[in-house]
PDB file of all heavy atoms in Angstrom:
ATOM      1  N   GLU A   1      45.547  57.610  91.438  1.00  0.00           N
ATOM      2  CA  GLU A   1      45.822  58.251  90.158  1.00  0.00           C
ATOM      3  C   GLU A   1      45.050  59.559  90.031  1.00  0.00           C
ATOM      4  O   GLU A   1      43.863  59.618  90.288  1.00  0.00           O
ATOM      5  CB  GLU A   1      45.460  57.302  89.009  1.00  0.00           C
ATOM      6  CG  GLU A   1      46.342  56.063  89.007  1.00  0.00           C
ATOM      7  CD  GLU A   1      46.070  55.191  87.803  1.00  0.00           C
ATOM      8  OE1 GLU A   1      45.985  55.746  86.703  1.00  0.00           O
ATOM      9  OE2 GLU A   1      45.941  53.979  87.965  1.00  0.00           O
ATOM     10  N   SER A   2      45.751  60.596  89.612  1.00  0.00           N
ATOM     11  CA  SER A   2      45.124  61.900  89.461  1.00  0.00           C
ATOM     12  C   SER A   2      44.418  62.000  88.119  1.00  0.00           C
ATOM     13  O   SER A   2      44.607  61.186  87.233  1.00  0.00           O
ATOM     14  CB  SER A   2      46.178  63.005  89.575  1.00  0.00           C
ATOM     15  OG  SER A   2      47.164  62.845  88.571  1.00  0.00           O
ATOM     16  N   ALA A   3      43.614  63.033  87.970  1.00  0.00           N
ATOM     17  CA  ALA A   3      42.763  63.166  86.775  1.00  0.00           C
ATOM     18  C   ALA A   3      43.555  63.439  85.503  1.00  0.00           C
ATOM     19  O   ALA A   3      43.036  63.316  84.411  1.00  0.00           O
ATOM     20  CB  ALA A   3      41.747  64.275  86.991  1.00  0.00           C
ATOM     21  N   ASP A   4      44.825  63.825  85.623  1.00  0.00           N
ATOM     22  CA  ASP A   4      45.578  64.162  84.422  1.00  0.00           C
ATOM     23  C   ASP A   4      46.447  63.008  83.931  1.00  0.00           C
ATOM     24  O   ASP A   4      47.342  63.190  83.128  1.00  0.00           O
ATOM     25  CB  ASP A   4      46.459  65.409  84.650  1.00  0.00           C
ATOM     26  CG  ASP A   4      47.505  65.191  85.724  1.00  0.00           C
ATOM     27  OD1 ASP A   4      47.421  64.168  86.438  1.00  0.00           O
ATOM     28  OD2 ASP A   4      48.402  66.043  85.848  1.00  0.00           O
ATOM     29  N   VAL A   5      46.171  61.803  84.412  1.00  0.00           N
ATOM     30  CA  VAL A   5      46.931  60.641  83.952  1.00  0.00           C
ATOM     31  C   VAL A   5      46.215  60.037  82.746  1.00  0.00           C
ATOM     32  O   VAL A   5      45.069  59.633  82.846  1.00  0.00           O
ATOM     33  CB  VAL A   5      47.067  59.581  85.067  1.00  0.00           C
ATOM     34  CG1 VAL A   5      47.811  58.369  84.559  1.00  0.00           C
ATOM     35  CG2 VAL A   5      47.815  60.175  86.254  1.00  0.00           C
ATOM     36  N   PHE A   6      46.900  59.978  81.624  1.00  0.00           N
ATOM     37  CA  PHE A   6      46.296  59.486  80.387  1.00  0.00           C
ATOM     38  C   PHE A   6      46.014  57.987  80.493  1.00  0.00           C
ATOM     39  O   PHE A   6      46.919  57.191  80.690  1.00  0.00           O
ATOM     40  CB  PHE A   6      47.241  59.768  79.223  1.00  0.00           C
ATOM     41  CG  PHE A   6      46.780  59.182  77.916  1.00  0.00           C
ATOM     42  CD1 PHE A   6      45.528  59.466  77.425  1.00  0.00           C
ATOM     43  CD2 PHE A   6      47.614  58.363  77.183  1.00  0.00           C
ATOM     44  CE1 PHE A   6      45.108  58.945  76.220  1.00  0.00           C
ATOM     45  CE2 PHE A   6      47.206  57.839  75.983  1.00  0.00           C
ATOM     46  CZ  PHE A   6      45.954  58.130  75.495  1.00  0.00           C
ATOM     47  N   PHE A   7      44.731  57.611  80.385  1.00  0.00           N
ATOM     48  CA  PHE A   7      44.257  56.235  80.474  1.00  0.00           C
ATOM     49  C   PHE A   7      44.452  55.610  81.851  1.00  0.00           C
ATOM     50  O   PHE A   7      43.930  54.555  82.122  1.00  0.00           O
ATOM     51  CB  PHE A   7      44.962  55.318  79.452  1.00  0.00           C
ATOM     52  CG  PHE A   7      44.579  55.573  78.041  1.00  0.00           C
ATOM     53  CD1 PHE A   7      45.488  55.370  77.027  1.00  0.00           C
ATOM     54  CD2 PHE A   7      43.311  56.019  77.714  1.00  0.00           C
ATOM     55  CE1 PHE A   7      45.145  55.594  75.711  1.00  0.00           C
ATOM     56  CE2 PHE A   7      42.955  56.251  76.399  1.00  0.00           C
ATOM     57  CZ  PHE A   7      43.881  56.035  75.407  1.00  0.00           C
ATOM     58  N   GLY A   8      45.231  56.236  82.726  1.00  0.00           N
ATOM     59  CA  GLY A   8      45.582  55.598  83.987  1.00  0.00           C
ATOM     60  C   GLY A   8      46.921  54.914  83.830  1.00  0.00           C
ATOM     61  O   GLY A   8      47.149  54.152  82.889  1.00  0.00           O
ATOM     62  N   SER A   9      47.844  55.192  84.711  1.00  0.00           N
ATOM     63  CA  SER A   9      49.205  54.679  84.560  1.00  0.00           C
ATOM     64  C   SER A   9      49.243  53.156  84.594  1.00  0.00           C
ATOM     65  O   SER A   9      49.992  52.526  83.853  1.00  0.00           O
ATOM     66  CB  SER A   9      50.113  55.262  85.650  1.00  0.00           C
ATOM     67  OG  SER A   9      49.643  54.910  86.934  1.00  0.00           O
ATOM     68  N   ASN A  10      48.445  52.521  85.460  1.00  0.00           N
ATOM     69  CA  ASN A  10      48.444  51.067  85.527  1.00  0.00           C
ATOM     70  C   ASN A  10      47.982  50.447  84.217  1.00  0.00           C
ATOM     71  O   ASN A  10      48.552  49.463  83.735  1.00  0.00           O
ATOM     72  CB  ASN A  10      47.539  50.586  86.668  1.00  0.00           C
ATOM     73  CG  ASN A  10      48.217  50.680  88.013  1.00  0.00           C
ATOM     74  OD1 ASN A  10      49.444  50.706  88.103  1.00  0.00           O
ATOM     75  ND2 ASN A  10      47.429  50.732  89.067  1.00  0.00           N
ATOM     76  N   THR A  11      46.950  51.020  83.620  1.00  0.00           N
ATOM     77  CA  THR A  11      46.420  50.493  82.366  1.00  0.00           C
ATOM     78  C   THR A  11      47.465  50.564  81.260  1.00  0.00           C
ATOM     79  O   THR A  11      47.641  49.612  80.492  1.00  0.00           O
ATOM     80  CB  THR A  11      45.153  51.267  81.937  1.00  0.00           C
ATOM     81  OG1 THR A  11      44.231  51.266  83.022  1.00  0.00           O
ATOM     82  CG2 THR A  11      44.509  50.630  80.726  1.00  0.00           C
ATOM     83  N   ILE A  12      48.156  51.696  81.177  1.00  0.00           N
ATOM     84  CA  ILE A  12      49.180  51.852  80.146  1.00  0.00           C
ATOM     85  C   ILE A  12      50.353  50.909  80.395  1.00  0.00           C
ATOM     86  O   ILE A  12      50.903  50.311  79.466  1.00  0.00           O
ATOM     87  CB  ILE A  12      49.657  53.323  80.083  1.00  0.00           C
ATOM     88  CG1 ILE A  12      48.677  54.128  79.239  1.00  0.00           C
ATOM     89  CG2 ILE A  12      51.045  53.440  79.475  1.00  0.00           C
ATOM     90  CD1 ILE A  12      48.554  53.654  77.798  1.00  0.00           C
ATOM     91  N   GLN A  13      50.761  50.745  81.648  1.00  0.00           N
ATOM     92  CA  GLN A  13      51.845  49.810  81.957  1.00  0.00           C
ATOM     93  C   GLN A  13      51.484  48.402  81.520  1.00  0.00           C
ATOM     94  O   GLN A  13      52.298  47.693  80.915  1.00  0.00           O
ATOM     95  CB  GLN A  13      52.143  49.830  83.459  1.00  0.00           C
ATOM     96  CG  GLN A  13      52.883  51.068  83.939  1.00  0.00           C
ATOM     97  CD  GLN A  13      53.090  51.047  85.434  1.00  0.00           C
ATOM     98  OE1 GLN A  13      53.127  49.984  86.055  1.00  0.00           O
ATOM     99  NE2 GLN A  13      53.194  52.227  86.029  1.00  0.00           N
ATOM    100  N   VAL A  14      50.267  47.981  81.815  1.00  0.00           N
ATOM    101  CA  VAL A  14      49.820  46.645  81.426  1.00  0.00           C
ATOM    102  C   VAL A  14      49.763  46.521  79.906  1.00  0.00           C
ATOM    103  O   VAL A  14      50.218  45.527  79.332  1.00  0.00           O
ATOM    104  CB  VAL A  14      48.443  46.332  82.052  1.00  0.00           C
ATOM    105  CG1 VAL A  14      47.876  45.022  81.505  1.00  0.00           C
ATOM    106  CG2 VAL A  14      48.554  46.260  83.570  1.00  0.00           C
ATOM    107  N   ALA A  15      49.226  47.543  79.235  1.00  0.00           N
ATOM    108  CA  ALA A  15      49.121  47.509  77.776  1.00  0.00           C
ATOM    109  C   ALA A  15      50.489  47.453  77.115  1.00  0.00           C
ATOM    110  O   ALA A  15      50.679  46.775  76.099  1.00  0.00           O
ATOM    111  CB  ALA A  15      48.348  48.728  77.281  1.00  0.00           C
ATOM    112  N   ASN A  16      51.463  48.166  77.669  1.00  0.00           N
ATOM    113  CA  ASN A  16      52.799  48.210  77.070  1.00  0.00           C
ATOM    114  C   ASN A  16      53.599  46.944  77.323  1.00  0.00           C
ATOM    115  O   ASN A  16      54.482  46.588  76.546  1.00  0.00           O
ATOM    116  CB  ASN A  16      53.571  49.417  77.595  1.00  0.00           C
ATOM    117  CG  ASN A  16      53.106  50.722  76.959  1.00  0.00           C
ATOM    118  OD1 ASN A  16      52.543  50.724  75.865  1.00  0.00           O
ATOM    119  ND2 ASN A  16      53.337  51.828  77.633  1.00  0.00           N
ATOM    120  N   LYS A  17      53.305  46.239  78.404  1.00  0.00           N
ATOM    121  CA  LYS A  17      54.092  45.054  78.754  1.00  0.00           C
ATOM    122  C   LYS A  17      53.399  43.740  78.412  1.00  0.00           C
ATOM    123  O   LYS A  17      54.032  42.698  78.334  1.00  0.00           O
ATOM    124  CB  LYS A  17      54.434  45.077  80.251  1.00  0.00           C
ATOM    125  CG  LYS A  17      55.399  46.192  80.640  1.00  0.00           C
ATOM    126  CD  LYS A  17      55.765  46.124  82.109  1.00  0.00           C
ATOM    127  CE  LYS A  17      56.741  47.235  82.497  1.00  0.00           C
ATOM    128  NZ  LYS A  17      58.046  47.069  81.861  1.00  0.00           N
ATOM    129  N   ILE A  18      52.088  43.794  78.229  1.00  0.00           N
ATOM    130  CA  ILE A  18      51.335  42.574  77.953  1.00  0.00           C
ATOM    131  C   ILE A  18      50.632  42.708  76.615  1.00  0.00           C
ATOM    132  O   ILE A  18      49.641  43.420  76.489  1.00  0.00           O
ATOM    133  CB  ILE A  18      50.304  42.300  79.064  1.00  0.00           C
ATOM    134  CG1 ILE A  18      51.025  42.098  80.405  1.00  0.00           C
ATOM    135  CG2 ILE A  18      49.456  41.077  78.729  1.00  0.00           C
ATOM    136  CD1 ILE A  18      50.109  41.987  81.587  1.00  0.00           C
ATOM    137  N   ASN A  19      51.159  42.037  75.612  1.00  0.00           N
ATOM    138  CA  ASN A  19      50.557  42.124  74.279  1.00  0.00           C
ATOM    139  C   ASN A  19      50.167  40.729  73.795  1.00  0.00           C
ATOM    140  O   ASN A  19      50.515  40.312  72.701  1.00  0.00           O
ATOM    141  CB  ASN A  19      51.525  42.787  73.296  1.00  0.00           C
ATOM    142  CG  ASN A  19      50.806  43.252  72.032  1.00  0.00           C
ATOM    143  OD1 ASN A  19      49.583  43.328  71.988  1.00  0.00           O
ATOM    144  ND2 ASN A  19      51.556  43.527  70.993  1.00  0.00           N
ATOM    145  N   LYS A  20      49.467  40.024  74.667  1.00  0.00           N
ATOM    146  CA  LYS A  20      49.008  38.682  74.306  1.00  0.00           C
ATOM    147  C   LYS A  20      47.541  38.470  74.675  1.00  0.00           C
ATOM    148  O   LYS A  20      47.010  37.381  74.478  1.00  0.00           O
ATOM    149  CB  LYS A  20      49.874  37.623  74.994  1.00  0.00           C
ATOM    150  CG  LYS A  20      49.917  37.745  76.495  1.00  0.00           C
ATOM    151  CD  LYS A  20      50.983  36.851  77.122  1.00  0.00           C
ATOM    152  CE  LYS A  20      50.669  35.382  76.965  1.00  0.00           C
ATOM    153  NZ  LYS A  20      51.590  34.528  77.723  1.00  0.00           N
ATOM    154  N   CYS A  21      46.902  39.513  75.226  1.00  0.00           N
ATOM    155  CA  CYS A  21      45.509  39.395  75.650  1.00  0.00           C
ATOM    156  C   CYS A  21      44.841  40.752  75.495  1.00  0.00           C
ATOM    157  O   CYS A  21      45.446  41.778  75.829  1.00  0.00           O
ATOM    158  CB  CYS A  21      45.457  38.940  77.109  1.00  0.00           C
ATOM    159  SG  CYS A  21      43.778  38.674  77.753  1.00  0.00           S
ATOM    160  N   PRO A  22      43.617  40.807  74.988  1.00  0.00           N
ATOM    161  CA  PRO A  22      42.920  42.096  74.865  1.00  0.00           C
ATOM    162  C   PRO A  22      42.658  42.715  76.243  1.00  0.00           C
ATOM    163  O   PRO A  22      42.445  42.007  77.227  1.00  0.00           O
ATOM    164  CB  PRO A  22      41.611  41.739  74.154  1.00  0.00           C
ATOM    165  CG  PRO A  22      41.431  40.279  74.370  1.00  0.00           C
ATOM    166  CD  PRO A  22      42.799  39.686  74.460  1.00  0.00           C
ATOM    167  N   ILE A  23      42.672  44.048  76.266  1.00  0.00           N
ATOM    168  CA  ILE A  23      42.446  44.793  77.500  1.00  0.00           C
ATOM    169  C   ILE A  23      41.286  45.757  77.272  1.00  0.00           C
ATOM    170  O   ILE A  23      41.288  46.513  76.306  1.00  0.00           O
ATOM    171  CB  ILE A  23      43.699  45.590  77.905  1.00  0.00           C
ATOM    172  CG1 ILE A  23      44.884  44.651  78.124  1.00  0.00           C
ATOM    173  CG2 ILE A  23      43.438  46.417  79.169  1.00  0.00           C
ATOM    174  CD1 ILE A  23      46.221  45.385  78.239  1.00  0.00           C
ATOM    175  N   LEU A  24      40.318  45.718  78.157  1.00  0.00           N
ATOM    176  CA  LEU A  24      39.201  46.649  78.092  1.00  0.00           C
ATOM    177  C   LEU A  24      39.345  47.636  79.240  1.00  0.00           C
ATOM    178  O   LEU A  24      39.262  47.261  80.410  1.00  0.00           O
ATOM    179  CB  LEU A  24      37.862  45.912  78.189  1.00  0.00           C
ATOM    180  CG  LEU A  24      36.599  46.772  78.148  1.00  0.00           C
ATOM    181  CD1 LEU A  24      36.521  47.565  76.844  1.00  0.00           C
ATOM    182  CD2 LEU A  24      35.348  45.916  78.338  1.00  0.00           C
ATOM    183  N   ALA A  25      39.590  48.903  78.914  1.00  0.00           N
ATOM    184  CA  ALA A  25      39.792  49.948  79.920  1.00  0.00           C
ATOM    185  C   ALA A  25      38.508  50.768  80.048  1.00  0.00           C
ATOM    186  O   ALA A  25      38.014  51.320  79.065  1.00  0.00           O
ATOM    187  CB  ALA A  25      40.955  50.839  79.534  1.00  0.00           C
ATOM    188  N   ILE A  26      37.987  50.842  81.265  1.00  0.00           N
ATOM    189  CA  ILE A  26      36.731  51.549  81.513  1.00  0.00           C
ATOM    190  C   ILE A  26      37.024  52.860  82.238  1.00  0.00           C
ATOM    191  O   ILE A  26      37.638  52.852  83.303  1.00  0.00           O
ATOM    192  CB  ILE A  26      35.760  50.694  82.355  1.00  0.00           C
ATOM    193  CG1 ILE A  26      35.568  49.326  81.706  1.00  0.00           C
ATOM    194  CG2 ILE A  26      34.431  51.413  82.515  1.00  0.00           C
ATOM    195  CD1 ILE A  26      35.013  49.369  80.303  1.00  0.00           C
ATOM    196  N   PRO A  27      36.584  53.989  81.687  1.00  0.00           N
ATOM    197  CA  PRO A  27      36.918  55.292  82.273  1.00  0.00           C
ATOM    198  C   PRO A  27      35.982  55.727  83.397  1.00  0.00           C
ATOM    199  O   PRO A  27      34.772  55.558  83.316  1.00  0.00           O
ATOM    200  CB  PRO A  27      36.765  56.242  81.077  1.00  0.00           C
ATOM    201  CG  PRO A  27      35.689  55.602  80.252  1.00  0.00           C
ATOM    202  CD  PRO A  27      35.821  54.113  80.440  1.00  0.00           C
ATOM    203  N   GLY A  28      36.560  56.272  84.438  1.00  0.00           N
ATOM    204  CA  GLY A  28      35.779  56.917  85.477  1.00  0.00           C
ATOM    205  C   GLY A  28      34.700  56.054  86.097  1.00  0.00           C
ATOM    206  O   GLY A  28      34.751  54.822  86.050  1.00  0.00           O
ATOM    207  N   GLU A  29      33.743  56.689  86.695  1.00  0.00           N
ATOM    208  CA  GLU A  29      32.635  55.995  87.342  1.00  0.00           C
ATOM    209  C   GLU A  29      31.395  56.107  86.464  1.00  0.00           C
ATOM    210  O   GLU A  29      30.372  56.683  86.834  1.00  0.00           O
ATOM    211  CB  GLU A  29      32.403  56.582  88.736  1.00  0.00           C
ATOM    212  CG  GLU A  29      33.610  56.409  89.640  1.00  0.00           C
ATOM    213  CD  GLU A  29      33.465  57.113  90.966  1.00  0.00           C
ATOM    214  OE1 GLU A  29      32.306  57.331  91.398  1.00  0.00           O
ATOM    215  OE2 GLU A  29      34.494  57.458  91.577  1.00  0.00           O
TER     216      GLU A  29
END
């Protein structure tokens, strides 16, 4: 994933398709 991907594409895909469990997204290193 490149630096211009908002939140990370995988994170957004999971958030948009899975709305039954909280998701904690951690940015960068």
